[in-house]
Amino acid sequence: MIKPLGASKIHALFSILSGLTVFFLLAACSVPPTKTPTPPVTITPTETSVSTATPAPLGSEQNPLRIAFLQEGETNRRIEISREEIRDYLKETTGYEFEIVVFEKPTDLFKALKDQKIHLGWLQPLTYLHARNQGLVKIGLLTNHFGTFYYGSQFMANVESGYVSYFDPVANLSTADAQTALSQLSGSRPCWVEPGSISGYILPFGILEQLSIPTQNGVITQTHPAVIRSLYIKGICDFGVTFSISGDPRTSSQVINDLPDASQRVIIIWQTNPDIPNLNLSYAVSVSDSIIKQINSAWIEMIKTTDGKRRITQALNGYDVQDLQVVDDSVYDPLRSAVRWSGVDLSDWIGR
């Protein structure tokens, strides 16, 4: 039998229970509140800041203007000296620093131009058009080669061919428009020089295509004198085309030595306008117009002297330069049109 607790014991037990209750309540209050976990901070390494130094001004000693020359054959000390003299003259005249860069292949020169490693260089017409199409260059100066800045093409045939000549040899001018003079060639067989020849294929073929004058497949003779010889002996082609205005292959040594009457036997049917610009000096598009103007002026002053003509001609491997002229890109429009009509791919003829 369980005895009932006395009043004093009940009081003691109540005190113990109250103490435990207070203990647990205090313990509960002392537990820190649950915090929302903070996501780990991902530290992305910042890229090291590379300070890009301001490039030295173009034409300074640290950033010279680089002049490109083409040297496909063997060079000699006279050529090198002429280029050095040109470099020194340009520096003295303009105050800019220049560096000579020589390339053995036209394609290497073109690549350097594309890679912005050269600032000015001498370009042939098709090379210039290709570089211009790609936005690489702007025109500077045009050369006067053997007395003319431009040349053209002449359509020729044997005097016994029966074709009518629309050309005045005394005035050295055509007497009719292209449509009138060349329509008689429809359906005939031409003698071309070769597909990369501007005067012996691209310009004349482009004109025929533009005028819708069809011809048979042409004979490729490889050289201008060979066209004359083919027309002289007859039976190879009905008409042929060579360069004109800057000269006449009928009077070249390769022809006249054994065909002294070539000029009488092979006649000019019609001659184009002088639509083919000579070798030019082009500038990279990065070169400012003010710098171009100063350099152009220096070249023009140089060419006025006998020594200047000699230096430039020698520096260009003997390419005769009698004068220099400032021109704009529009002088290439007739040739540009002929290239389009001929269907020639300019990238195939870098160096022409």
C-alpha atoms as a PDB file:
ATOM      1  CA  MET A   1       0.000   0.000   0.000  1.00  0.00           C
ATOM      2  CA  ILE A   2       1.468   3.353  -1.139  1.00  0.00           C
ATOM      3  CA  LYS A   3       1.555   5.936   1.500  1.00  0.00           C
ATOM      4  CA  PRO A   4       0.443   9.437   0.599  1.00  0.00           C
ATOM      5  CA  LEU A   5       3.214  12.024   0.535  1.00  0.00           C
ATOM      6  CA  GLY A   6       3.325  14.489   3.232  1.00  0.00           C
ATOM      7  CA  ALA A   7       2.822  18.186   2.614  1.00  0.00           C
ATOM      8  CA  SER A   8       6.499  18.961   3.050  1.00  0.00           C
ATOM      9  CA  LYS A   9       7.526  16.291   0.531  1.00  0.00           C
ATOM     10  CA  ILE A  10       4.948  17.438  -1.995  1.00  0.00           C
ATOM     11  CA  HIS A  11       6.293  20.974  -1.679  1.00  0.00           C
ATOM     12  CA  ALA A  12       9.849  19.764  -2.254  1.00  0.00           C
ATOM     13  CA  LEU A  13       8.812  17.723  -5.320  1.00  0.00           C
ATOM     14  CA  PHE A  14       6.959  20.699  -6.776  1.00  0.00           C
ATOM     15  CA  SER A  15      10.040  22.864  -6.322  1.00  0.00           C
ATOM     16  CA  ILE A  16      12.186  20.300  -8.191  1.00  0.00           C
ATOM     17  CA  LEU A  17       9.724  20.046 -11.089  1.00  0.00           C
ATOM     18  CA  SER A  18       9.471  23.833 -11.342  1.00  0.00           C
ATOM     19  CA  GLY A  19      13.251  24.100 -11.439  1.00  0.00           C
ATOM     20  CA  LEU A  20      13.508  21.550 -14.258  1.00  0.00           C
ATOM     21  CA  THR A  21      10.826  23.370 -16.230  1.00  0.00           C
ATOM     22  CA  VAL A  22      12.701  26.642 -15.910  1.00  0.00           C
ATOM     23  CA  PHE A  23      15.959  24.865 -16.886  1.00  0.00           C
ATOM     24  CA  PHE A  24      14.500  23.401 -20.062  1.00  0.00           C
ATOM     25  CA  LEU A  25      12.853  26.716 -20.987  1.00  0.00           C
ATOM     26  CA  LEU A  26      16.119  28.541 -20.550  1.00  0.00           C
ATOM     27  CA  ALA A  27      17.986  25.888 -22.479  1.00  0.00           C
ATOM     28  CA  ALA A  28      15.500  26.208 -25.322  1.00  0.00           C
ATOM     29  CA  CYS A  29      15.928  29.960 -25.356  1.00  0.00           C
ATOM     30  CA  SER A  30      19.684  29.621 -25.523  1.00  0.00           C
ATOM     31  CA  VAL A  31      19.631  27.611 -28.825  1.00  0.00           C
ATOM     32  CA  PRO A  32      20.758  29.971 -31.644  1.00  0.00           C
ATOM     33  CA  PRO A  33      18.192  30.584 -34.346  1.00  0.00           C
ATOM     34  CA  THR A  34      18.577  28.649 -37.590  1.00  0.00           C
ATOM     35  CA  LYS A  35      20.220  30.824 -40.263  1.00  0.00           C
ATOM     36  CA  THR A  36      19.607  30.606 -43.996  1.00  0.00           C
ATOM     37  CA  PRO A  37      22.791  29.056 -45.433  1.00  0.00           C
ATOM     38  CA  THR A  38      24.872  31.591 -47.299  1.00  0.00           C
ATOM     39  CA  PRO A  39      25.860  30.193 -50.683  1.00  0.00           C
ATOM     40  CA  PRO A  40      29.598  29.920 -51.214  1.00  0.00           C
ATOM     41  CA  VAL A  41      31.115  32.861 -53.078  1.00  0.00           C
ATOM     42  CA  THR A  42      32.603  31.812 -56.386  1.00  0.00           C
ATOM     43  CA  ILE A  43      35.612  33.991 -57.061  1.00  0.00           C
ATOM     44  CA  THR A  44      36.284  34.319 -60.729  1.00  0.00           C
ATOM     45  CA  PRO A  45      39.897  35.222 -61.310  1.00  0.00           C
ATOM     46  CA  THR A  46      39.979  38.570 -62.990  1.00  0.00           C
ATOM     47  CA  GLU A  47      42.029  38.730 -66.164  1.00  0.00           C
ATOM     48  CA  THR A  48      45.306  40.392 -65.692  1.00  0.00           C
ATOM     49  CA  SER A  49      44.946  43.861 -67.073  1.00  0.00           C
ATOM     50  CA  VAL A  50      47.469  44.196 -69.868  1.00  0.00           C
ATOM     51  CA  SER A  51      48.275  47.775 -70.484  1.00  0.00           C
ATOM     52  CA  THR A  52      48.300  48.313 -74.244  1.00  0.00           C
ATOM     53  CA  ALA A  53      51.046  50.714 -75.013  1.00  0.00           C
ATOM     54  CA  THR A  54      50.121  53.472 -77.403  1.00  0.00           C
ATOM     55  CA  PRO A  55      51.755  52.591 -80.736  1.00  0.00           C
ATOM     56  CA  ALA A  56      54.477  54.894 -81.917  1.00  0.00           C
ATOM     57  CA  PRO A  57      53.351  57.358 -84.593  1.00  0.00           C
ATOM     58  CA  LEU A  58      53.586  56.045 -88.133  1.00  0.00           C
ATOM     59  CA  GLY A  59      56.784  57.291 -89.697  1.00  0.00           C
ATOM     60  CA  SER A  60      58.670  57.446 -86.417  1.00  0.00           C
ATOM     61  CA  GLU A  61      61.892  55.547 -85.742  1.00  0.00           C
ATOM     62  CA  GLN A  62      59.940  52.944 -83.771  1.00  0.00           C
ATOM     63  CA  ASN A  63      57.272  52.600 -86.476  1.00  0.00           C
ATOM     64  CA  PRO A  64      58.816  53.364 -89.894  1.00  0.00           C
ATOM     65  CA  LEU A  65      56.893  53.481 -93.145  1.00  0.00           C
ATOM     66  CA  ARG A  66      57.689  50.223 -94.921  1.00  0.00           C
ATOM     67  CA  ILE A  67      58.170  50.425 -98.703  1.00  0.00           C
ATOM     68  CA  ALA A  68      57.683  47.181-100.639  1.00  0.00           C
ATOM     69  CA  PHE A  69      59.738  46.306-103.695  1.00  0.00           C
ATOM     70  CA  LEU A  70      59.449  43.170-105.796  1.00  0.00           C
ATOM     71  CA  GLN A  71      62.643  41.329-106.743  1.00  0.00           C
ATOM     72  CA  GLU A  72      61.702  38.216-108.703  1.00  0.00           C
ATOM     73  CA  GLY A  73      65.100  37.812-110.381  1.00  0.00           C
ATOM     74  CA  GLU A  74      68.632  38.269-109.177  1.00  0.00           C
ATOM     75  CA  THR A  75      69.444  41.548-107.524  1.00  0.00           C
ATOM     76  CA  ASN A  76      72.671  43.494-107.576  1.00  0.00           C
ATOM     77  CA  ARG A  77      74.289  46.168-105.496  1.00  0.00           C
ATOM     78  CA  ARG A  78      73.203  48.960-107.875  1.00  0.00           C
ATOM     79  CA  ILE A  79      69.540  48.093-107.304  1.00  0.00           C
ATOM     80  CA  GLU A  80      70.071  47.975-103.545  1.00  0.00           C
ATOM     81  CA  ILE A  81      71.891  51.316-103.557  1.00  0.00           C
ATOM     82  CA  SER A  82      69.080  52.943-105.571  1.00  0.00           C
ATOM     83  CA  ARG A  83      66.513  51.751-103.031  1.00  0.00           C
ATOM     84  CA  GLU A  84      68.631  53.012-100.158  1.00  0.00           C
ATOM     85  CA  GLU A  85      69.047  56.376-101.874  1.00  0.00           C
ATOM     86  CA  ILE A  86      65.271  56.596-102.323  1.00  0.00           C
ATOM     87  CA  ARG A  87      64.737  55.746 -98.657  1.00  0.00           C
ATOM     88  CA  ASP A  88      67.195  58.418 -97.556  1.00  0.00           C
ATOM     89  CA  TYR A  89      65.729  61.013 -99.915  1.00  0.00           C
ATOM     90  CA  LEU A  90      62.194  60.399 -98.696  1.00  0.00           C
ATOM     91  CA  LYS A  91      63.339  60.654 -95.077  1.00  0.00           C
ATOM     92  CA  GLU A  92      65.200  63.891 -95.726  1.00  0.00           C
ATOM     93  CA  THR A  93      62.291  65.393 -97.651  1.00  0.00           C
ATOM     94  CA  THR A  94      59.383  64.346 -95.465  1.00  0.00           C
ATOM     95  CA  GLY A  95      60.978  63.891 -92.050  1.00  0.00           C
ATOM     96  CA  TYR A  96      59.526  60.384 -91.748  1.00  0.00           C
ATOM     97  CA  GLU A  97      61.482  57.191 -91.188  1.00  0.00           C
ATOM     98  CA  PHE A  98      61.319  54.572 -93.966  1.00  0.00           C
ATOM     99  CA  GLU A  99      62.274  50.932 -94.250  1.00  0.00           C
ATOM    100  CA  ILE A 100      62.856  48.950 -97.453  1.00  0.00           C
ATOM    101  CA  VAL A 101      61.180  45.516 -97.663  1.00  0.00           C
ATOM    102  CA  VAL A 102      61.972  43.244-100.623  1.00  0.00           C
ATOM    103  CA  PHE A 103      59.777  40.342-101.746  1.00  0.00           C
ATOM    104  CA  GLU A 104      60.708  37.588-104.181  1.00  0.00           C
ATOM    105  CA  LYS A 105      57.127  36.705-105.132  1.00  0.00           C
ATOM    106  CA  PRO A 106      54.138  38.939-105.911  1.00  0.00           C
ATOM    107  CA  THR A 107      51.929  36.703-103.772  1.00  0.00           C
ATOM    108  CA  ASP A 108      54.196  37.267-100.764  1.00  0.00           C
ATOM    109  CA  LEU A 109      54.018  41.019-101.269  1.00  0.00           C
ATOM    110  CA  PHE A 110      50.236  40.836-101.516  1.00  0.00           C
ATOM    111  CA  LYS A 111      50.022  38.773 -98.319  1.00  0.00           C
ATOM    112  CA  ALA A 112      52.188  41.293 -96.468  1.00  0.00           C
ATOM    113  CA  LEU A 113      49.859  44.028 -97.665  1.00  0.00           C
ATOM    114  CA  LYS A 114      46.881  42.030 -96.452  1.00  0.00           C
ATOM    115  CA  ASP A 115      48.574  41.436 -93.081  1.00  0.00           C
ATOM    116  CA  GLN A 116      49.245  45.190 -92.771  1.00  0.00           C
ATOM    117  CA  LYS A 117      53.010  44.668 -92.721  1.00  0.00           C
ATOM    118  CA  ILE A 118      53.792  47.192 -95.458  1.00  0.00           C
ATOM    119  CA  HIS A 119      52.573  50.732 -96.002  1.00  0.00           C
ATOM    120  CA  LEU A 120      53.323  51.494 -99.640  1.00  0.00           C
ATOM    121  CA  GLY A 121      54.404  49.530-102.685  1.00  0.00           C
ATOM    122  CA  TRP A 122      54.421  49.340-106.463  1.00  0.00           C
ATOM    123  CA  LEU A 123      51.500  47.385-107.924  1.00  0.00           C
ATOM    124  CA  GLN A 124      50.602  46.280-111.435  1.00  0.00           C
ATOM    125  CA  PRO A 125      47.015  46.989-112.651  1.00  0.00           C
ATOM    126  CA  LEU A 126      45.350  43.641-111.920  1.00  0.00           C
ATOM    127  CA  THR A 127      47.093  43.373-108.548  1.00  0.00           C
ATOM    128  CA  TYR A 128      45.914  46.850-107.638  1.00  0.00           C
ATOM    129  CA  LEU A 129      42.313  46.067-108.622  1.00  0.00           C
ATOM    130  CA  HIS A 130      42.368  42.901-106.518  1.00  0.00           C
ATOM    131  CA  ALA A 131      43.824  44.731-103.504  1.00  0.00           C
ATOM    132  CA  ARG A 132      41.345  47.566-103.958  1.00  0.00           C
ATOM    133  CA  ASN A 133      38.428  45.120-104.113  1.00  0.00           C
ATOM    134  CA  GLN A 134      39.532  43.768-100.748  1.00  0.00           C
ATOM    135  CA  GLY A 135      39.769  47.233 -99.230  1.00  0.00           C
ATOM    136  CA  LEU A 136      43.524  47.023 -98.714  1.00  0.00           C
ATOM    137  CA  VAL A 137      44.860  50.012-100.632  1.00  0.00           C
ATOM    138  CA  LYS A 138      44.258  53.450-102.018  1.00  0.00           C
ATOM    139  CA  ILE A 139      45.920  54.834-105.108  1.00  0.00           C
ATOM    140  CA  GLY A 140      48.830  57.220-104.909  1.00  0.00           C
ATOM    141  CA  LEU A 141      50.880  57.745-108.056  1.00  0.00           C
ATOM    142  CA  LEU A 142      50.876  56.432-111.617  1.00  0.00           C
ATOM    143  CA  THR A 143      54.072  55.889-113.594  1.00  0.00           C
ATOM    144  CA  ASN A 144      54.853  57.261-117.029  1.00  0.00           C
ATOM    145  CA  HIS A 145      56.386  54.252-118.786  1.00  0.00           C
ATOM    146  CA  PHE A 146      58.163  54.926-122.086  1.00  0.00           C
ATOM    147  CA  GLY A 147      56.391  58.252-122.502  1.00  0.00           C
ATOM    148  CA  THR A 148      52.819  57.378-121.554  1.00  0.00           C
ATOM    149  CA  PHE A 149      50.815  56.840-118.376  1.00  0.00           C
ATOM    150  CA  TYR A 150      48.335  54.483-120.075  1.00  0.00           C
ATOM    151  CA  TYR A 151      48.337  52.011-122.927  1.00  0.00           C
ATOM    152  CA  GLY A 152      45.747  50.050-124.866  1.00  0.00           C
ATOM    153  CA  SER A 153      45.052  47.206-127.273  1.00  0.00           C
ATOM    154  CA  GLN A 154      44.970  46.970-131.049  1.00  0.00           C
ATOM    155  CA  PHE A 155      42.964  44.527-133.149  1.00  0.00           C
ATOM    156  CA  MET A 156      45.004  43.388-136.150  1.00  0.00           C
ATOM    157  CA  ALA A 157      44.719  41.144-139.200  1.00  0.00           C
ATOM    158  CA  ASN A 158      46.597  40.153-142.322  1.00  0.00           C
ATOM    159  CA  VAL A 159      46.209  42.733-145.069  1.00  0.00           C
ATOM    160  CA  GLU A 160      44.680  39.996-147.275  1.00  0.00           C
ATOM    161  CA  SER A 161      42.016  39.041-144.710  1.00  0.00           C
ATOM    162  CA  GLY A 162      39.362  41.294-146.253  1.00  0.00           C
ATOM    163  CA  TYR A 163      38.594  43.091-143.003  1.00  0.00           C
ATOM    164  CA  VAL A 164      37.992  46.830-143.175  1.00  0.00           C
ATOM    165  CA  SER A 165      40.465  48.945-141.216  1.00  0.00           C
ATOM    166  CA  TYR A 166      38.981  51.682-139.035  1.00  0.00           C
ATOM    167  CA  PHE A 167      42.314  53.147-138.027  1.00  0.00           C
ATOM    168  CA  ASP A 168      44.301  56.150-139.206  1.00  0.00           C
ATOM    169  CA  PRO A 169      48.021  55.295-138.826  1.00  0.00           C
ATOM    170  CA  VAL A 170      49.093  58.900-139.411  1.00  0.00           C
ATOM    171  CA  ALA A 171      46.908  60.320-136.645  1.00  0.00           C
ATOM    172  CA  ASN A 172      47.314  57.091-134.643  1.00  0.00           C
ATOM    173  CA  LEU A 173      43.578  57.125-133.933  1.00  0.00           C
ATOM    174  CA  SER A 174      40.593  54.902-134.608  1.00  0.00           C
ATOM    175  CA  THR A 175      38.057  56.307-137.070  1.00  0.00           C
ATOM    176  CA  ALA A 176      34.940  54.490-135.838  1.00  0.00           C
ATOM    177  CA  ASP A 177      33.376  53.265-132.631  1.00  0.00           C
ATOM    178  CA  ALA A 178      34.042  49.755-131.362  1.00  0.00           C
ATOM    179  CA  GLN A 179      30.671  48.353-132.421  1.00  0.00           C
ATOM    180  CA  THR A 180      31.120  49.493-136.023  1.00  0.00           C
ATOM    181  CA  ALA A 181      34.721  48.364-136.337  1.00  0.00           C
ATOM    182  CA  LEU A 182      34.566  45.051-134.492  1.00  0.00           C
ATOM    183  CA  SER A 183      31.221  43.627-135.620  1.00  0.00           C
ATOM    184  CA  GLN A 184      32.995  42.278-138.712  1.00  0.00           C
ATOM    185  CA  LEU A 185      34.952  39.925-136.427  1.00  0.00           C
ATOM    186  CA  SER A 186      31.821  38.008-135.384  1.00  0.00           C
ATOM    187  CA  GLY A 187      32.356  34.265-135.675  1.00  0.00           C
ATOM    188  CA  SER A 188      36.077  34.544-136.455  1.00  0.00           C
ATOM    189  CA  ARG A 189      39.020  32.985-134.630  1.00  0.00           C
ATOM    190  CA  PRO A 190      41.278  35.259-132.535  1.00  0.00           C
ATOM    191  CA  CYS A 191      44.926  34.974-131.598  1.00  0.00           C
ATOM    192  CA  TRP A 192      45.319  35.940-127.935  1.00  0.00           C
ATOM    193  CA  VAL A 193      48.549  36.429-126.052  1.00  0.00           C
ATOM    194  CA  GLU A 194      47.508  34.542-122.885  1.00  0.00           C
ATOM    195  CA  PRO A 195      44.666  34.776-120.336  1.00  0.00           C
ATOM    196  CA  GLY A 196      46.605  37.017-117.942  1.00  0.00           C
ATOM    197  CA  SER A 197      47.607  39.548-120.596  1.00  0.00           C
ATOM    198  CA  ILE A 198      45.666  42.769-120.034  1.00  0.00           C
ATOM    199  CA  SER A 199      46.180  44.188-123.531  1.00  0.00           C
ATOM    200  CA  GLY A 200      46.441  40.834-125.299  1.00  0.00           C
ATOM    201  CA  TYR A 201      43.310  39.246-123.836  1.00  0.00           C
ATOM    202  CA  ILE A 202      41.434  40.830-120.906  1.00  0.00           C
ATOM    203  CA  LEU A 203      40.672  44.286-122.336  1.00  0.00           C
ATOM    204  CA  PRO A 204      39.891  43.202-125.944  1.00  0.00           C
ATOM    205  CA  PHE A 205      37.911  40.112-124.934  1.00  0.00           C
ATOM    206  CA  GLY A 206      35.964  42.162-122.392  1.00  0.00           C
ATOM    207  CA  ILE A 207      35.072  44.675-125.117  1.00  0.00           C
ATOM    208  CA  LEU A 208      33.868  41.927-127.474  1.00  0.00           C
ATOM    209  CA  GLU A 209      31.788  40.366-124.706  1.00  0.00           C
ATOM    210  CA  GLN A 210      30.238  43.701-123.782  1.00  0.00           C
ATOM    211  CA  LEU A 211      29.323  44.314-127.433  1.00  0.00           C
ATOM    212  CA  SER A 212      27.929  40.762-127.796  1.00  0.00           C
ATOM    213  CA  ILE A 213      30.316  39.945-130.636  1.00  0.00           C
ATOM    214  CA  PRO A 214      30.907  36.182-130.528  1.00  0.00           C
ATOM    215  CA  THR A 215      34.184  34.614-131.579  1.00  0.00           C
ATOM    216  CA  GLN A 216      35.553  31.091-131.876  1.00  0.00           C
ATOM    217  CA  ASN A 217      37.890  29.613-129.295  1.00  0.00           C
ATOM    218  CA  GLY A 218      41.097  31.575-129.481  1.00  0.00           C
ATOM    219  CA  VAL A 219      44.659  30.483-130.124  1.00  0.00           C
ATOM    220  CA  ILE A 220      47.034  31.252-127.238  1.00  0.00           C
ATOM    221  CA  THR A 221      50.357  32.393-128.691  1.00  0.00           C
ATOM    222  CA  GLN A 222      52.080  33.322-125.372  1.00  0.00           C
ATOM    223  CA  THR A 223      53.725  36.547-126.628  1.00  0.00           C
ATOM    224  CA  HIS A 224      52.794  39.719-128.514  1.00  0.00           C
ATOM    225  CA  PRO A 225      55.382  39.129-131.296  1.00  0.00           C
ATOM    226  CA  ALA A 226      53.977  35.626-131.723  1.00  0.00           C
ATOM    227  CA  VAL A 227      50.553  37.126-132.455  1.00  0.00           C
ATOM    228  CA  ILE A 228      52.115  39.217-135.235  1.00  0.00           C
ATOM    229  CA  ARG A 229      53.970  36.251-136.679  1.00  0.00           C
ATOM    230  CA  SER A 230      50.795  34.142-136.632  1.00  0.00           C
ATOM    231  CA  LEU A 231      48.872  36.820-138.549  1.00  0.00           C
ATOM    232  CA  TYR A 232      51.745  37.300-140.972  1.00  0.00           C
ATOM    233  CA  ILE A 233      51.843  33.668-142.118  1.00  0.00           C
ATOM    234  CA  LYS A 234      48.006  33.276-142.079  1.00  0.00           C
ATOM    235  CA  GLY A 235      45.999  30.134-141.443  1.00  0.00           C
ATOM    236  CA  ILE A 236      46.346  30.147-137.652  1.00  0.00           C
ATOM    237  CA  CYS A 237      43.774  32.778-136.712  1.00  0.00           C
ATOM    238  CA  ASP A 238      41.648  35.446-138.409  1.00  0.00           C
ATOM    239  CA  PHE A 239      42.599  38.364-136.205  1.00  0.00           C
ATOM    240  CA  GLY A 240      44.855  39.025-133.255  1.00  0.00           C
ATOM    241  CA  VAL A 241      45.295  41.519-130.461  1.00  0.00           C
ATOM    242  CA  THR A 242      48.434  43.068-128.972  1.00  0.00           C
ATOM    243  CA  PHE A 243      49.397  46.077-126.867  1.00  0.00           C
ATOM    244  CA  SER A 244      49.312  49.525-128.436  1.00  0.00           C
ATOM    245  CA  ILE A 245      49.979  53.217-127.780  1.00  0.00           C
ATOM    246  CA  SER A 246      53.064  52.519-125.665  1.00  0.00           C
ATOM    247  CA  GLY A 247      54.651  50.769-128.625  1.00  0.00           C
ATOM    248  CA  ASP A 248      54.019  48.417-131.549  1.00  0.00           C
ATOM    249  CA  PRO A 249      55.158  44.778-131.499  1.00  0.00           C
ATOM    250  CA  ARG A 250      55.295  44.778-135.313  1.00  0.00           C
ATOM    251  CA  THR A 251      58.515  46.795-135.036  1.00  0.00           C
ATOM    252  CA  SER A 252      60.070  44.721-132.232  1.00  0.00           C
ATOM    253  CA  SER A 253      63.367  42.972-132.864  1.00  0.00           C
ATOM    254  CA  GLN A 254      61.669  39.568-132.475  1.00  0.00           C
ATOM    255  CA  VAL A 255      59.590  40.375-135.549  1.00  0.00           C
ATOM    256  CA  ILE A 256      61.355  42.872-137.748  1.00  0.00           C
ATOM    257  CA  ASN A 257      64.673  41.002-137.882  1.00  0.00           C
ATOM    258  CA  ASP A 258      63.214  38.339-140.182  1.00  0.00           C
ATOM    259  CA  LEU A 259      59.874  39.935-141.130  1.00  0.00           C
ATOM    260  CA  PRO A 260      60.896  43.476-142.161  1.00  0.00           C
ATOM    261  CA  ASP A 261      57.579  44.098-143.929  1.00  0.00           C
ATOM    262  CA  ALA A 262      55.416  43.055-140.966  1.00  0.00           C
ATOM    263  CA  SER A 263      53.927  46.555-140.630  1.00  0.00           C
ATOM    264  CA  GLN A 264      52.660  46.379-144.221  1.00  0.00           C
ATOM    265  CA  ARG A 265      51.452  42.776-144.082  1.00  0.00           C
ATOM    266  CA  VAL A 266      49.756  42.988-140.661  1.00  0.00           C
ATOM    267  CA  ILE A 267      47.412  45.978-140.366  1.00  0.00           C
ATOM    268  CA  ILE A 268      45.548  47.564-137.485  1.00  0.00           C
ATOM    269  CA  ILE A 269      41.770  47.198-137.758  1.00  0.00           C
ATOM    270  CA  TRP A 270      40.882  49.198-134.658  1.00  0.00           C
ATOM    271  CA  GLN A 271      42.604  50.532-131.567  1.00  0.00           C
ATOM    272  CA  THR A 272      41.153  50.950-128.087  1.00  0.00           C
ATOM    273  CA  ASN A 273      41.464  54.049-125.967  1.00  0.00           C
ATOM    274  CA  PRO A 274      44.471  54.089-123.615  1.00  0.00           C
ATOM    275  CA  ASP A 275      42.487  52.391-120.868  1.00  0.00           C
ATOM    276  CA  ILE A 276      45.215  50.401-119.116  1.00  0.00           C
ATOM    277  CA  PRO A 277      47.079  52.296-116.365  1.00  0.00           C
ATOM    278  CA  ASN A 278      50.762  51.517-115.881  1.00  0.00           C
ATOM    279  CA  LEU A 279      52.463  50.411-112.684  1.00  0.00           C
ATOM    280  CA  ASN A 280      51.290  52.458-109.706  1.00  0.00           C
ATOM    281  CA  LEU A 281      52.379  53.357-106.203  1.00  0.00           C
ATOM    282  CA  SER A 282      49.674  52.296-103.762  1.00  0.00           C
ATOM    283  CA  TYR A 283      49.311  52.983-100.050  1.00  0.00           C
ATOM    284  CA  ALA A 284      47.830  50.849 -97.311  1.00  0.00           C
ATOM    285  CA  VAL A 285      44.468  52.192 -96.165  1.00  0.00           C
ATOM    286  CA  SER A 286      45.976  52.775 -92.714  1.00  0.00           C
ATOM    287  CA  VAL A 287      48.192  55.555 -94.068  1.00  0.00           C
ATOM    288  CA  SER A 288      46.577  58.952 -93.605  1.00  0.00           C
ATOM    289  CA  ASP A 289      45.874  61.219 -96.558  1.00  0.00           C
ATOM    290  CA  SER A 290      48.148  63.899 -95.112  1.00  0.00           C
ATOM    291  CA  ILE A 291      51.106  61.497 -95.019  1.00  0.00           C
ATOM    292  CA  ILE A 292      50.301  60.273 -98.532  1.00  0.00           C
ATOM    293  CA  LYS A 293      50.270  63.827 -99.820  1.00  0.00           C
ATOM    294  CA  GLN A 294      53.712  64.534 -98.368  1.00  0.00           C
ATOM    295  CA  ILE A 295      55.232  61.321 -99.712  1.00  0.00           C
ATOM    296  CA  ASN A 296      53.668  61.830-103.156  1.00  0.00           C
ATOM    297  CA  SER A 297      55.199  65.299-103.314  1.00  0.00           C
ATOM    298  CA  ALA A 298      58.617  63.875-102.451  1.00  0.00           C
ATOM    299  CA  TRP A 299      58.414  61.235-105.212  1.00  0.00           C
ATOM    300  CA  ILE A 300      57.318  63.851-107.748  1.00  0.00           C
ATOM    301  CA  GLU A 301      60.222  66.107-106.821  1.00  0.00           C
ATOM    302  CA  MET A 302      62.590  63.167-107.109  1.00  0.00           C
ATOM    303  CA  ILE A 303      61.437  62.173-110.608  1.00  0.00           C
ATOM    304  CA  LYS A 304      62.090  65.678-111.922  1.00  0.00           C
ATOM    305  CA  THR A 305      65.835  65.070-111.863  1.00  0.00           C
ATOM    306  CA  THR A 306      67.938  62.760-114.005  1.00  0.00           C
ATOM    307  CA  ASP A 307      69.262  61.050-110.887  1.00  0.00           C
ATOM    308  CA  GLY A 308      65.716  60.605-109.619  1.00  0.00           C
ATOM    309  CA  LYS A 309      64.606  58.890-112.817  1.00  0.00           C
ATOM    310  CA  ARG A 310      67.659  56.636-112.673  1.00  0.00           C
ATOM    311  CA  ARG A 311      67.102  55.714-109.036  1.00  0.00           C
ATOM    312  CA  ILE A 312      63.428  54.873-109.441  1.00  0.00           C
ATOM    313  CA  THR A 313      63.971  52.924-112.665  1.00  0.00           C
ATOM    314  CA  GLN A 314      66.826  50.917-111.141  1.00  0.00           C
ATOM    315  CA  ALA A 315      64.902  50.334-107.904  1.00  0.00           C
ATOM    316  CA  LEU A 316      62.079  48.863-110.008  1.00  0.00           C
ATOM    317  CA  ASN A 317      64.434  46.402-111.726  1.00  0.00           C
ATOM    318  CA  GLY A 318      64.786  48.490-114.867  1.00  0.00           C
ATOM    319  CA  TYR A 319      61.104  49.302-115.348  1.00  0.00           C
ATOM    320  CA  ASP A 320      61.428  52.617-117.194  1.00  0.00           C
ATOM    321  CA  VAL A 321      59.840  55.501-115.287  1.00  0.00           C
ATOM    322  CA  GLN A 322      59.863  58.925-116.949  1.00  0.00           C
ATOM    323  CA  ASP A 323      57.367  60.708-114.717  1.00  0.00           C
ATOM    324  CA  LEU A 324      54.866  60.277-111.882  1.00  0.00           C
ATOM    325  CA  GLN A 325      51.327  61.598-111.659  1.00  0.00           C
ATOM    326  CA  VAL A 326      48.748  61.824-108.862  1.00  0.00           C
ATOM    327  CA  VAL A 327      45.578  59.990-109.933  1.00  0.00           C
ATOM    328  CA  ASP A 328      42.375  58.729-108.341  1.00  0.00           C
ATOM    329  CA  ASP A 329      40.751  55.311-108.541  1.00  0.00           C
ATOM    330  CA  SER A 330      38.385  56.326-111.373  1.00  0.00           C
ATOM    331  CA  VAL A 331      41.178  55.916-113.936  1.00  0.00           C
ATOM    332  CA  TYR A 332      40.736  52.160-113.479  1.00  0.00           C
ATOM    333  CA  ASP A 333      37.020  52.135-114.328  1.00  0.00           C
ATOM    334  CA  PRO A 334      37.387  51.112-118.019  1.00  0.00           C
ATOM    335  CA  LEU A 335      39.743  48.278-117.096  1.00  0.00           C
ATOM    336  CA  ARG A 336      37.534  47.309-114.157  1.00  0.00           C
ATOM    337  CA  SER A 337      34.601  46.973-116.571  1.00  0.00           C
ATOM    338  CA  ALA A 338      36.631  44.858-119.004  1.00  0.00           C
ATOM    339  CA  VAL A 339      37.707  42.553-116.182  1.00  0.00           C
ATOM    340  CA  ARG A 340      34.067  41.997-115.210  1.00  0.00           C
ATOM    341  CA  TRP A 341      33.012  41.252-118.783  1.00  0.00           C
ATOM    342  CA  SER A 342      35.961  38.950-119.413  1.00  0.00           C
ATOM    343  CA  GLY A 343      35.181  36.872-116.339  1.00  0.00           C
ATOM    344  CA  VAL A 344      38.824  36.823-115.249  1.00  0.00           C
ATOM    345  CA  ASP A 345      39.494  35.940-111.595  1.00  0.00           C
ATOM    346  CA  LEU A 346      41.894  38.607-110.347  1.00  0.00           C
ATOM    347  CA  SER A 347      43.252  36.332-107.632  1.00  0.00           C
ATOM    348  CA  ASP A 348      44.774  34.183-110.396  1.00  0.00           C
ATOM    349  CA  TRP A 349      46.878  37.065-111.661  1.00  0.00           C
ATOM    350  CA  ILE A 350      48.554  38.666-108.661  1.00  0.00           C
ATOM    351  CA  GLY A 351      51.669  40.309-110.022  1.00  0.00           C
ATOM    352  CA  ARG A 352      50.030  41.397-113.295  1.00  0.00           C
END
